Amino acid sequence: MPKNMDVLFSGVMAHAFDTPLHGSIILDLDEWDIEHFIPHNRELLESGKGYGWPVSYVSYEELQIRLIEEKYKYMVISSSYGLSGWVLAKNVEISDQETG
């Protein structure tokens, strides 16, 4: 029987989701090496750079060094529909929802 789980991100720098919809079911949550963040999100980074998103930086190398030094995790989410995307966060906690 499927379980209801709580996923709590803390120390979030940025996130991106494809059309989040109510009722989405998270199928998988993977931590990818931070070195994959920039190559997989170059177009999104280009569009946000002039606006200081996800933070102000001069070069991709500077951004990557900051992500590594500040111990960010690149969490990639796969879902049933709509909620697929990623979160850059320092911590993630997953726990069973309490049933009452």
PDB file of N, CA and C in Angstrom:
ATOM      1  N   MET A   1       0.851  -1.182   0.000  1.00  0.00           N
ATOM      2  CA  MET A   1       0.000   0.000   0.000  1.00  0.00           C
ATOM      3  C   MET A   1       0.895   1.243   0.000  1.00  0.00           C
ATOM      4  N   PRO A   2       0.624   2.204  -0.896  1.00  0.00           N
ATOM      5  CA  PRO A   2       1.433   3.423  -0.937  1.00  0.00           C
ATOM      6  C   PRO A   2       1.318   4.201   0.367  1.00  0.00           C
ATOM      7  N   LYS A   3       2.423   4.836   0.736  1.00  0.00           N
ATOM      8  CA  LYS A   3       2.442   5.634   1.956  1.00  0.00           C
ATOM      9  C   LYS A   3       2.400   7.109   1.599  1.00  0.00           C
ATOM     10  N   ASN A   4       1.826   7.886   2.482  1.00  0.00           N
ATOM     11  CA  ASN A   4       1.918   9.333   2.371  1.00  0.00           C
ATOM     12  C   ASN A   4       3.159   9.756   3.132  1.00  0.00           C
ATOM     13  N   MET A   5       3.992  10.527   2.463  1.00  0.00           N
ATOM     14  CA  MET A   5       5.257  10.960   3.045  1.00  0.00           C
ATOM     15  C   MET A   5       5.315  12.485   3.046  1.00  0.00           C
ATOM     16  N   ASP A   6       6.053  13.022   4.007  1.00  0.00           N
ATOM     17  CA  ASP A   6       6.357  14.443   4.029  1.00  0.00           C
ATOM     18  C   ASP A   6       7.781  14.616   3.527  1.00  0.00           C
ATOM     19  N   VAL A   7       7.985  15.577   2.640  1.00  0.00           N
ATOM     20  CA  VAL A   7       9.311  15.916   2.147  1.00  0.00           C
ATOM     21  C   VAL A   7       9.532  17.377   2.513  1.00  0.00           C
ATOM     22  N   LEU A   8      10.532  17.630   3.353  1.00  0.00           N
ATOM     23  CA  LEU A   8      10.803  18.973   3.836  1.00  0.00           C
ATOM     24  C   LEU A   8      12.194  19.394   3.404  1.00  0.00           C
ATOM     25  N   PHE A   9      12.260  20.455   2.596  1.00  0.00           N
ATOM     26  CA  PHE A   9      13.529  21.025   2.177  1.00  0.00           C
ATOM     27  C   PHE A   9      13.835  22.221   3.059  1.00  0.00           C
ATOM     28  N   SER A  10      15.093  22.375   3.453  1.00  0.00           N
ATOM     29  CA  SER A  10      15.495  23.564   4.209  1.00  0.00           C
ATOM     30  C   SER A  10      16.780  24.121   3.610  1.00  0.00           C
ATOM     31  N   GLY A  11      17.003  25.393   3.836  1.00  0.00           N
ATOM     32  CA  GLY A  11      18.153  26.057   3.243  1.00  0.00           C
ATOM     33  C   GLY A  11      18.046  26.087   1.730  1.00  0.00           C
ATOM     34  N   VAL A  12      16.867  26.388   1.221  1.00  0.00           N
ATOM     35  CA  VAL A  12      16.618  26.352  -0.220  1.00  0.00           C
ATOM     36  C   VAL A  12      17.178  27.602  -0.887  1.00  0.00           C
ATOM     37  N   MET A  13      17.967  27.390  -1.946  1.00  0.00           N
ATOM     38  CA  MET A  13      18.456  28.499  -2.765  1.00  0.00           C
ATOM     39  C   MET A  13      17.496  28.756  -3.924  1.00  0.00           C
ATOM     40  N   ALA A  14      17.049  27.678  -4.588  1.00  0.00           N
ATOM     41  CA  ALA A  14      16.186  27.824  -5.758  1.00  0.00           C
ATOM     42  C   ALA A  14      15.490  26.497  -6.041  1.00  0.00           C
ATOM     43  N   HIS A  15      14.453  26.576  -6.868  1.00  0.00           N
ATOM     44  CA  HIS A  15      13.765  25.382  -7.317  1.00  0.00           C
ATOM     45  C   HIS A  15      13.113  25.672  -8.659  1.00  0.00           C
ATOM     46  N   ALA A  16      12.796  24.622  -9.379  1.00  0.00           N
ATOM     47  CA  ALA A  16      12.063  24.751 -10.643  1.00  0.00           C
ATOM     48  C   ALA A  16      11.214  23.497 -10.820  1.00  0.00           C
ATOM     49  N   PHE A  17       9.935  23.705 -11.119  1.00  0.00           N
ATOM     50  CA  PHE A  17       9.017  22.595 -11.344  1.00  0.00           C
ATOM     51  C   PHE A  17       8.256  22.832 -12.640  1.00  0.00           C
ATOM     52  N   ASP A  18       7.956  21.746 -13.352  1.00  0.00           N
ATOM     53  CA  ASP A  18       7.130  21.808 -14.553  1.00  0.00           C
ATOM     54  C   ASP A  18       5.674  21.812 -14.118  1.00  0.00           C
ATOM     55  N   THR A  19       4.994  22.880 -14.371  1.00  0.00           N
ATOM     56  CA  THR A  19       3.555  23.015 -14.114  1.00  0.00           C
ATOM     57  C   THR A  19       3.046  22.185 -12.930  1.00  0.00           C
ATOM     58  N   PRO A  20       3.389  22.579 -11.688  1.00  0.00           N
ATOM     59  CA  PRO A  20       2.920  21.829 -10.518  1.00  0.00           C
ATOM     60  C   PRO A  20       1.396  21.809 -10.451  1.00  0.00           C
ATOM     61  N   LEU A  21       0.856  20.636 -10.203  1.00  0.00           N
ATOM     62  CA  LEU A  21      -0.583  20.454 -10.140  1.00  0.00           C
ATOM     63  C   LEU A  21      -0.964  19.785  -8.831  1.00  0.00           C
ATOM     64  N   HIS A  22      -2.114  20.155  -8.298  1.00  0.00           N
ATOM     65  CA  HIS A  22      -2.619  19.535  -7.084  1.00  0.00           C
ATOM     66  C   HIS A  22      -2.807  18.042  -7.327  1.00  0.00           C
ATOM     67  N   GLY A  23      -2.380  17.240  -6.381  1.00  0.00           N
ATOM     68  CA  GLY A  23      -2.554  15.808  -6.495  1.00  0.00           C
ATOM     69  C   GLY A  23      -1.394  15.081  -7.144  1.00  0.00           C
ATOM     70  N   SER A  24      -0.331  15.813  -7.498  1.00  0.00           N
ATOM     71  CA  SER A  24       0.838  15.146  -8.074  1.00  0.00           C
ATOM     72  C   SER A  24       1.403  14.147  -7.070  1.00  0.00           C
ATOM     73  N   ILE A  25       1.888  13.055  -7.578  1.00  0.00           N
ATOM     74  CA  ILE A  25       2.482  12.017  -6.735  1.00  0.00           C
ATOM     75  C   ILE A  25       3.962  11.949  -7.046  1.00  0.00           C
ATOM     76  N   ILE A  26       4.795  12.151  -6.033  1.00  0.00           N
ATOM     77  CA  ILE A  26       6.237  12.049  -6.234  1.00  0.00           C
ATOM     78  C   ILE A  26       6.591  10.577  -6.377  1.00  0.00           C
ATOM     79  N   LEU A  27       7.200  10.240  -7.492  1.00  0.00           N
ATOM     80  CA  LEU A  27       7.595   8.866  -7.762  1.00  0.00           C
ATOM     81  C   LEU A  27       9.022   8.595  -7.324  1.00  0.00           C
ATOM     82  N   ASP A  28       9.876   9.626  -7.421  1.00  0.00           N
ATOM     83  CA  ASP A  28      11.279   9.433  -7.085  1.00  0.00           C
ATOM     84  C   ASP A  28      11.901  10.768  -6.703  1.00  0.00           C
ATOM     85  N   LEU A  29      12.842  10.718  -5.782  1.00  0.00           N
ATOM     86  CA  LEU A  29      13.605  11.881  -5.348  1.00  0.00           C
ATOM     87  C   LEU A  29      15.056  11.431  -5.278  1.00  0.00           C
ATOM     88  N   ASP A  30      15.874  11.967  -6.176  1.00  0.00           N
ATOM     89  CA  ASP A  30      17.279  11.569  -6.266  1.00  0.00           C
ATOM     90  C   ASP A  30      18.186  12.746  -5.994  1.00  0.00           C
ATOM     91  N   GLU A  31      19.288  12.485  -5.311  1.00  0.00           N
ATOM     92  CA  GLU A  31      20.317  13.511  -5.163  1.00  0.00           C
ATOM     93  C   GLU A  31      21.348  13.295  -6.269  1.00  0.00           C
ATOM     94  N   TRP A  32      21.477  14.276  -7.149  1.00  0.00           N
ATOM     95  CA  TRP A  32      22.455  14.227  -8.231  1.00  0.00           C
ATOM     96  C   TRP A  32      23.696  14.990  -7.795  1.00  0.00           C
ATOM     97  N   ASP A  33      24.832  14.635  -8.343  1.00  0.00           N
ATOM     98  CA  ASP A  33      26.057  15.377  -8.067  1.00  0.00           C
ATOM     99  C   ASP A  33      25.863  16.826  -8.474  1.00  0.00           C
ATOM    100  N   ILE A  34      26.328  17.738  -7.655  1.00  0.00           N
ATOM    101  CA  ILE A  34      26.143  19.170  -7.900  1.00  0.00           C
ATOM    102  C   ILE A  34      26.777  19.589  -9.229  1.00  0.00           C
ATOM    103  N   GLU A  35      27.772  18.845  -9.691  1.00  0.00           N
ATOM    104  CA  GLU A  35      28.422  19.153 -10.967  1.00  0.00           C
ATOM    105  C   GLU A  35      27.466  19.025 -12.148  1.00  0.00           C
ATOM    106  N   HIS A  36      26.341  18.322 -11.972  1.00  0.00           N
ATOM    107  CA  HIS A  36      25.357  18.166 -13.042  1.00  0.00           C
ATOM    108  C   HIS A  36      24.376  19.332 -13.107  1.00  0.00           C
ATOM    109  N   PHE A  37      24.324  20.155 -12.060  1.00  0.00           N
ATOM    110  CA  PHE A  37      23.313  21.212 -12.002  1.00  0.00           C
ATOM    111  C   PHE A  37      23.431  22.194 -13.164  1.00  0.00           C
ATOM    112  N   ILE A  38      24.606  22.751 -13.370  1.00  0.00           N
ATOM    113  CA  ILE A  38      24.767  23.787 -14.401  1.00  0.00           C
ATOM    114  C   ILE A  38      24.538  23.227 -15.808  1.00  0.00           C
ATOM    115  N   PRO A  39      25.173  22.099 -16.182  1.00  0.00           N
ATOM    116  CA  PRO A  39      24.918  21.593 -17.536  1.00  0.00           C
ATOM    117  C   PRO A  39      23.448  21.259 -17.807  1.00  0.00           C
ATOM    118  N   HIS A  40      22.725  20.775 -16.813  1.00  0.00           N
ATOM    119  CA  HIS A  40      21.325  20.401 -17.026  1.00  0.00           C
ATOM    120  C   HIS A  40      20.357  21.585 -16.972  1.00  0.00           C
ATOM    121  N   ASN A  41      20.848  22.747 -16.536  1.00  0.00           N
ATOM    122  CA  ASN A  41      19.960  23.900 -16.363  1.00  0.00           C
ATOM    123  C   ASN A  41      20.521  25.176 -16.991  1.00  0.00           C
ATOM    124  N   ARG A  42      21.388  25.031 -17.972  1.00  0.00           N
ATOM    125  CA  ARG A  42      22.065  26.193 -18.575  1.00  0.00           C
ATOM    126  C   ARG A  42      21.068  27.215 -19.141  1.00  0.00           C
ATOM    127  N   GLU A  43      20.062  26.771 -19.851  1.00  0.00           N
ATOM    128  CA  GLU A  43      19.099  27.702 -20.449  1.00  0.00           C
ATOM    129  C   GLU A  43      18.340  28.477 -19.370  1.00  0.00           C
ATOM    130  N   LEU A  44      17.918  27.797 -18.326  1.00  0.00           N
ATOM    131  CA  LEU A  44      17.220  28.442 -17.220  1.00  0.00           C
ATOM    132  C   LEU A  44      18.138  29.432 -16.503  1.00  0.00           C
ATOM    133  N   LEU A  45      19.388  29.054 -16.309  1.00  0.00           N
ATOM    134  CA  LEU A  45      20.353  29.951 -15.667  1.00  0.00           C
ATOM    135  C   LEU A  45      20.592  31.194 -16.518  1.00  0.00           C
ATOM    136  N   GLU A  46      20.697  31.021 -17.827  1.00  0.00           N
ATOM    137  CA  GLU A  46      20.893  32.170 -18.726  1.00  0.00           C
ATOM    138  C   GLU A  46      19.728  33.155 -18.617  1.00  0.00           C
ATOM    139  N   SER A  47      18.504  32.634 -18.565  1.00  0.00           N
ATOM    140  CA  SER A  47      17.340  33.520 -18.519  1.00  0.00           C
ATOM    141  C   SER A  47      17.212  34.244 -17.187  1.00  0.00           C
ATOM    142  N   GLY A  48      17.768  33.679 -16.106  1.00  0.00           N
ATOM    143  CA  GLY A  48      17.636  34.305 -14.795  1.00  0.00           C
ATOM    144  C   GLY A  48      18.836  35.099 -14.327  1.00  0.00           C
ATOM    145  N   LYS A  49      19.964  34.970 -15.043  1.00  0.00           N
ATOM    146  CA  LYS A  49      21.204  35.582 -14.568  1.00  0.00           C
ATOM    147  C   LYS A  49      21.091  37.097 -14.397  1.00  0.00           C
ATOM    148  N   GLY A  50      20.493  37.784 -15.332  1.00  0.00           N
ATOM    149  CA  GLY A  50      20.359  39.238 -15.251  1.00  0.00           C
ATOM    150  C   GLY A  50      19.459  39.701 -14.117  1.00  0.00           C
ATOM    151  N   TYR A  51      18.735  38.771 -13.526  1.00  0.00           N
ATOM    152  CA  TYR A  51      17.825  39.093 -12.425  1.00  0.00           C
ATOM    153  C   TYR A  51      18.345  38.595 -11.086  1.00  0.00           C
ATOM    154  N   GLY A  52      19.597  38.116 -11.067  1.00  0.00           N
ATOM    155  CA  GLY A  52      20.185  37.627  -9.817  1.00  0.00           C
ATOM    156  C   GLY A  52      19.643  36.277  -9.389  1.00  0.00           C
ATOM    157  N   TRP A  53      19.171  35.486 -10.363  1.00  0.00           N
ATOM    158  CA  TRP A  53      18.615  34.171 -10.044  1.00  0.00           C
ATOM    159  C   TRP A  53      19.556  33.083 -10.510  1.00  0.00           C
ATOM    160  N   PRO A  54      19.841  32.070  -9.731  1.00  0.00           N
ATOM    161  CA  PRO A  54      19.344  31.849  -8.376  1.00  0.00           C
ATOM    162  C   PRO A  54      20.058  32.705  -7.333  1.00  0.00           C
ATOM    163  N   VAL A  55      21.244  33.191  -7.661  1.00  0.00           N
ATOM    164  CA  VAL A  55      21.993  34.174  -6.868  1.00  0.00           C
ATOM    165  C   VAL A  55      22.812  34.984  -7.859  1.00  0.00           C
ATOM    166  N   SER A  56      23.412  36.058  -7.405  1.00  0.00           N
ATOM    167  CA  SER A  56      24.300  36.825  -8.279  1.00  0.00           C
ATOM    168  C   SER A  56      25.626  36.089  -8.412  1.00  0.00           C
ATOM    169  N   TYR A  57      26.125  35.966  -9.637  1.00  0.00           N
ATOM    170  CA  TYR A  57      27.406  35.329  -9.898  1.00  0.00           C
ATOM    171  C   TYR A  57      27.937  35.862 -11.221  1.00  0.00           C
ATOM    172  N   VAL A  58      29.259  35.781 -11.393  1.00  0.00           N
ATOM    173  CA  VAL A  58      29.895  36.280 -12.611  1.00  0.00           C
ATOM    174  C   VAL A  58      30.043  35.164 -13.634  1.00  0.00           C
ATOM    175  N   SER A  59      30.476  33.989 -13.184  1.00  0.00           N
ATOM    176  CA  SER A  59      30.719  32.878 -14.104  1.00  0.00           C
ATOM    177  C   SER A  59      30.077  31.606 -13.561  1.00  0.00           C
ATOM    178  N   TYR A  60      29.877  30.636 -14.444  1.00  0.00           N
ATOM    179  CA  TYR A  60      29.343  29.346 -14.012  1.00  0.00           C
ATOM    180  C   TYR A  60      30.295  28.675 -13.027  1.00  0.00           C
ATOM    181  N   GLU A  61      31.586  28.864 -13.241  1.00  0.00           N
ATOM    182  CA  GLU A  61      32.573  28.292 -12.318  1.00  0.00           C
ATOM    183  C   GLU A  61      32.383  28.868 -10.913  1.00  0.00           C
ATOM    184  N   GLU A  62      32.170  30.185 -10.821  1.00  0.00           N
ATOM    185  CA  GLU A  62      31.936  30.825  -9.520  1.00  0.00           C
ATOM    186  C   GLU A  62      30.677  30.261  -8.859  1.00  0.00           C
ATOM    187  N   LEU A  63      29.612  30.083  -9.641  1.00  0.00           N
ATOM    188  CA  LEU A  63      28.367  29.529  -9.104  1.00  0.00           C
ATOM    189  C   LEU A  63      28.591  28.104  -8.608  1.00  0.00           C
ATOM    190  N   GLN A  64      29.268  27.286  -9.397  1.00  0.00           N
ATOM    191  CA  GLN A  64      29.499  25.901  -8.998  1.00  0.00           C
ATOM    192  C   GLN A  64      30.335  25.827  -7.725  1.00  0.00           C
ATOM    193  N   ILE A  65      31.376  26.642  -7.619  1.00  0.00           N
ATOM    194  CA  ILE A  65      32.208  26.651  -6.414  1.00  0.00           C
ATOM    195  C   ILE A  65      31.364  27.027  -5.199  1.00  0.00           C
ATOM    196  N   ARG A  66      30.503  28.020  -5.360  1.00  0.00           N
ATOM    197  CA  ARG A  66      29.640  28.434  -4.238  1.00  0.00           C
ATOM    198  C   ARG A  66      28.719  27.301  -3.810  1.00  0.00           C
ATOM    199  N   LEU A  67      28.110  26.621  -4.782  1.00  0.00           N
ATOM    200  CA  LEU A  67      27.207  25.519  -4.457  1.00  0.00           C
ATOM    201  C   LEU A  67      27.935  24.412  -3.705  1.00  0.00           C
ATOM    202  N   ILE A  68      29.150  24.117  -4.115  1.00  0.00           N
ATOM    203  CA  ILE A  68      29.937  23.071  -3.457  1.00  0.00           C
ATOM    204  C   ILE A  68      30.384  23.515  -2.073  1.00  0.00           C
ATOM    205  N   GLU A  69      30.953  24.716  -1.974  1.00  0.00           N
ATOM    206  CA  GLU A  69      31.463  25.198  -0.684  1.00  0.00           C
ATOM    207  C   GLU A  69      30.357  25.350   0.347  1.00  0.00           C
ATOM    208  N   GLU A  70      29.178  25.769  -0.085  1.00  0.00           N
ATOM    209  CA  GLU A  70      28.065  25.970   0.844  1.00  0.00           C
ATOM    210  C   GLU A  70      27.223  24.701   1.026  1.00  0.00           C
ATOM    211  N   LYS A  71      27.702  23.604   0.432  1.00  0.00           N
ATOM    212  CA  LYS A  71      27.127  22.268   0.628  1.00  0.00           C
ATOM    213  C   LYS A  71      25.654  22.153   0.205  1.00  0.00           C
ATOM    214  N   TYR A  72      25.351  22.699  -0.973  1.00  0.00           N
ATOM    215  CA  TYR A  72      24.007  22.536  -1.513  1.00  0.00           C
ATOM    216  C   TYR A  72      23.858  21.158  -2.133  1.00  0.00           C
ATOM    217  N   LYS A  73      22.643  20.645  -2.089  1.00  0.00           N
ATOM    218  CA  LYS A  73      22.290  19.372  -2.709  1.00  0.00           C
ATOM    219  C   LYS A  73      21.392  19.675  -3.899  1.00  0.00           C
ATOM    220  N   TYR A  74      21.600  18.934  -4.969  1.00  0.00           N
ATOM    221  CA  TYR A  74      20.789  19.056  -6.177  1.00  0.00           C
ATOM    222  C   TYR A  74      19.826  17.886  -6.167  1.00  0.00           C
ATOM    223  N   MET A  75      18.586  18.140  -5.757  1.00  0.00           N
ATOM    224  CA  MET A  75      17.579  17.103  -5.597  1.00  0.00           C
ATOM    225  C   MET A  75      16.638  17.128  -6.805  1.00  0.00           C
ATOM    226  N   VAL A  76      16.593  16.030  -7.539  1.00  0.00           N
ATOM    227  CA  VAL A  76      15.780  15.929  -8.743  1.00  0.00           C
ATOM    228  C   VAL A  76      14.536  15.094  -8.430  1.00  0.00           C
ATOM    229  N   ILE A  77      13.379  15.660  -8.766  1.00  0.00           N
ATOM    230  CA  ILE A  77      12.093  15.044  -8.445  1.00  0.00           C
ATOM    231  C   ILE A  77      11.410  14.564  -9.718  1.00  0.00           C
ATOM    232  N   SER A  78      10.949  13.318  -9.690  1.00  0.00           N
ATOM    233  CA  SER A  78      10.115  12.769 -10.765  1.00  0.00           C
ATOM    234  C   SER A  78       8.735  12.542 -10.178  1.00  0.00           C
ATOM    235  N   SER A  79       7.704  12.905 -10.938  1.00  0.00           N
ATOM    236  CA  SER A  79       6.350  12.763 -10.402  1.00  0.00           C
ATOM    237  C   SER A  79       5.407  12.173 -11.432  1.00  0.00           C
ATOM    238  N   SER A  80       4.198  11.888 -10.960  1.00  0.00           N
ATOM    239  CA  SER A  80       3.173  11.319 -11.829  1.00  0.00           C
ATOM    240  C   SER A  80       2.799  12.303 -12.936  1.00  0.00           C
ATOM    241  N   TYR A  81       2.723  13.568 -12.619  1.00  0.00           N
ATOM    242  CA  TYR A  81       2.486  14.629 -13.597  1.00  0.00           C
ATOM    243  C   TYR A  81       2.735  15.962 -12.922  1.00  0.00           C
ATOM    244  N   GLY A  82       3.266  16.904 -13.660  1.00  0.00           N
ATOM    245  CA  GLY A  82       3.339  18.289 -13.231  1.00  0.00           C
ATOM    246  C   GLY A  82       4.419  18.696 -12.262  1.00  0.00           C
ATOM    247  N   LEU A  83       4.745  17.884 -11.278  1.00  0.00           N
ATOM    248  CA  LEU A  83       5.656  18.335 -10.231  1.00  0.00           C
ATOM    249  C   LEU A  83       7.114  17.971 -10.512  1.00  0.00           C
ATOM    250  N   SER A  84       7.405  17.376 -11.645  1.00  0.00           N
ATOM    251  CA  SER A  84       8.789  17.032 -11.949  1.00  0.00           C
ATOM    252  C   SER A  84       9.633  18.296 -11.985  1.00  0.00           C
ATOM    253  N   GLY A  85      10.839  18.195 -11.459  1.00  0.00           N
ATOM    254  CA  GLY A  85      11.725  19.350 -11.423  1.00  0.00           C
ATOM    255  C   GLY A  85      12.870  19.099 -10.473  1.00  0.00           C
ATOM    256  N   TRP A  86      13.348  20.164  -9.837  1.00  0.00           N
ATOM    257  CA  TRP A  86      14.494  20.045  -8.940  1.00  0.00           C
ATOM    258  C   TRP A  86      14.446  21.105  -7.851  1.00  0.00           C
ATOM    259  N   VAL A  87      15.244  20.856  -6.804  1.00  0.00           N
ATOM    260  CA  VAL A  87      15.405  21.793  -5.694  1.00  0.00           C
ATOM    261  C   VAL A  87      16.885  21.842  -5.351  1.00  0.00           C
ATOM    262  N   LEU A  88      17.424  23.050  -5.172  1.00  0.00           N
ATOM    263  CA  LEU A  88      18.765  23.242  -4.625  1.00  0.00           C
ATOM    264  C   LEU A  88      18.571  23.602  -3.161  1.00  0.00           C
ATOM    265  N   ALA A  89      18.974  22.715  -2.278  1.00  0.00           N
ATOM    266  CA  ALA A  89      18.757  22.932  -0.849  1.00  0.00           C
ATOM    267  C   ALA A  89      19.920  22.351  -0.063  1.00  0.00           C
ATOM    268  N   LYS A  90      20.083  22.837   1.159  1.00  0.00           N
ATOM    269  CA  LYS A  90      21.146  22.316   2.013  1.00  0.00           C
ATOM    270  C   LYS A  90      20.725  21.018   2.695  1.00  0.00           C
ATOM    271  N   ASN A  91      19.438  20.846   2.921  1.00  0.00           N
ATOM    272  CA  ASN A  91      18.955  19.641   3.613  1.00  0.00           C
ATOM    273  C   ASN A  91      17.616  19.208   3.052  1.00  0.00           C
ATOM    274  N   VAL A  92      17.368  17.901   3.144  1.00  0.00           N
ATOM    275  CA  VAL A  92      16.059  17.348   2.827  1.00  0.00           C
ATOM    276  C   VAL A  92      15.758  16.278   3.859  1.00  0.00           C
ATOM    277  N   GLU A  93      14.534  16.311   4.381  1.00  0.00           N
ATOM    278  CA  GLU A  93      14.078  15.313   5.342  1.00  0.00           C
ATOM    279  C   GLU A  93      12.824  14.645   4.775  1.00  0.00           C
ATOM    280  N   ILE A  94      12.804  13.327   4.847  1.00  0.00           N
ATOM    281  CA  ILE A  94      11.654  12.570   4.378  1.00  0.00           C
ATOM    282  C   ILE A  94      11.142  11.741   5.550  1.00  0.00           C
ATOM    283  N   SER A  95       9.842  11.838   5.794  1.00  0.00           N
ATOM    284  CA  SER A  95       9.277  11.086   6.907  1.00  0.00           C
ATOM    285  C   SER A  95       7.864  10.630   6.567  1.00  0.00           C
ATOM    286  N   ASP A  96       7.425   9.560   7.224  1.00  0.00           N
ATOM    287  CA  ASP A  96       6.051   9.087   7.062  1.00  0.00           C
ATOM    288  C   ASP A  96       5.105  10.110   7.659  1.00  0.00           C
ATOM    289  N   GLN A  97       3.988  10.340   7.002  1.00  0.00           N
ATOM    290  CA  GLN A  97       2.970  11.203   7.592  1.00  0.00           C
ATOM    291  C   GLN A  97       2.310  10.444   8.711  1.00  0.00           C
ATOM    292  N   GLU A  98       2.017  11.156   9.770  1.00  0.00           N
ATOM    293  CA  GLU A  98       1.337  10.517  10.888  1.00  0.00           C
ATOM    294  C   GLU A  98      -0.133  10.354  10.529  1.00  0.00           C
ATOM    295  N   THR A  99      -0.651   9.189  10.785  1.00  0.00           N
ATOM    296  CA  THR A  99      -2.067   8.953  10.532  1.00  0.00           C
ATOM    297  C   THR A  99      -2.810   9.067  11.851  1.00  0.00           C
ATOM    298  N   GLY A 100      -3.939   9.657  11.810  1.00  0.00           N
ATOM    299  CA  GLY A 100      -4.643   9.886  13.054  1.00  0.00           C
ATOM    300  C   GLY A 100      -6.002   9.441  12.937  1.00  0.00           C
TER     301      GLY A 100
END
